[in-house]
Structure formats: C-alpha cells, structure tokens
Amino acid sequence: MRIQLGRAKTVLLAVAASAGLAACGQTLGEQALVGGATGIGAAAVTGGNVGTGALVGAGANVAYCQTNPGACN
C-alpha cells in the first residue's frame, strides 16, 4: 500500500504538534514561545503562512496551558 505524500505530511505534523504541546513551558512567555515554534513548524510542513502559524500556535498553547495547568508541568 502506497502512502501519499499529503498523508505523510499530516502524520508528521500531528507528531510534531504533540511533541511541542507536551513541553508547554512554565511561564506565560515560555508557553507562547513553545506554541509559536510548534505553529511555525506546522505551517512550514503544510505550506501555510508561518506568521499565522506562529500566532495560532502561541494562542492555542497558552490557552491550553492556562486551562489545564497540571498538564503543562
């Protein structure tokens, strides 16, 4: 069975995003930085806008870590 390139990118993106979110950061700044970096990586892999990826990633990671503080230690 042949894996399509688009599917391989999606799987790689999911693994990278999971790894990035697993290390949330201790402070608000660290959380934004880690999320932004993950967003940039995701945008680069999928061919999206890296600026938008950084903003969405930072916001999502901060929101998650602030909502679930026990998961981000």
Protein backbone atom coordinates (compact mmCIF):
# COMPACT_ATOMS: atom_id res chain seq x y z
CA MET A 1 0.00 0.00 0.00
CA ARG A 2 1.47 3.30 -1.07
CA ILE A 3 1.31 6.22 1.36
CA GLN A 4 0.54 9.53 -0.30
CA LEU A 5 2.83 12.48 0.36
CA GLY A 6 -0.03 14.58 1.77
CA ARG A 7 -0.90 11.88 4.28
CA ALA A 8 2.73 11.54 5.36
CA LYS A 9 2.89 15.31 5.97
CA THR A 10 -0.27 15.13 8.07
CA VAL A 11 1.12 12.34 10.22
CA LEU A 12 4.44 14.18 10.64
CA LEU A 13 2.57 17.33 11.59
CA ALA A 14 0.50 15.52 14.20
CA VAL A 15 3.61 14.00 15.78
CA ALA A 16 5.43 17.35 15.81
CA ALA A 17 2.45 19.16 17.29
CA SER A 18 2.04 16.55 20.01
CA ALA A 19 5.72 16.79 20.92
CA GLY A 20 5.54 20.58 21.02
CA LEU A 21 2.50 20.65 23.23
CA ALA A 22 3.97 18.07 25.58
CA ALA A 23 6.53 20.69 26.64
CA CYS A 24 4.22 23.60 27.40
CA GLY A 25 6.58 25.79 29.42
CA GLN A 26 6.42 27.04 32.98
CA THR A 27 5.69 30.73 32.37
CA LEU A 28 3.25 32.50 30.08
CA GLY A 29 6.15 33.62 27.86
CA GLU A 30 7.55 30.11 27.58
CA GLN A 31 4.10 28.77 26.73
CA ALA A 32 3.70 31.34 23.95
CA LEU A 33 7.21 30.66 22.64
CA VAL A 34 6.78 26.87 22.54
CA GLY A 35 3.34 27.15 20.93
CA GLY A 36 4.59 29.68 18.40
CA ALA A 37 7.52 27.47 17.44
CA THR A 38 5.19 24.49 17.02
CA GLY A 39 2.87 26.61 14.89
CA ILE A 40 5.75 27.75 12.68
CA GLY A 41 6.82 24.14 12.19
CA ALA A 42 3.30 23.05 11.34
CA ALA A 43 2.89 25.89 8.83
CA ALA A 44 6.24 25.11 7.21
CA VAL A 45 5.39 21.42 6.81
CA THR A 46 1.94 22.11 5.36
CA GLY A 47 2.98 25.05 3.17
CA GLY A 48 0.97 27.56 5.19
CA ASN A 49 1.78 31.08 6.35
CA VAL A 50 4.40 30.86 9.12
CA GLY A 51 3.27 34.13 10.72
CA THR A 52 -0.26 32.86 11.06
CA GLY A 53 1.05 29.52 12.29
CA ALA A 54 3.08 31.26 14.99
CA LEU A 55 0.12 33.31 16.20
CA VAL A 56 -2.31 30.40 16.19
CA GLY A 57 0.20 28.05 17.83
CA ALA A 58 1.11 30.54 20.56
CA GLY A 59 -2.51 31.34 21.33
CA ALA A 60 -3.57 27.70 21.36
CA ASN A 61 -0.72 26.60 23.62
CA VAL A 62 -1.24 29.45 26.09
CA ALA A 63 -4.98 28.77 26.18
CA TYR A 64 -4.42 25.05 26.75
CA CYS A 65 -1.75 25.51 29.42
CA GLN A 66 -3.74 28.14 31.28
CA THR A 67 -6.87 25.97 31.21
CA ASN A 68 -5.01 22.77 32.19
CA PRO A 69 -2.10 23.87 34.40
CA GLY A 70 -1.40 20.33 35.68
CA ALA A 71 -0.75 19.09 32.14
CA CYS A 72 1.99 21.64 31.48
CA ASN A 73 4.50 20.99 34.25
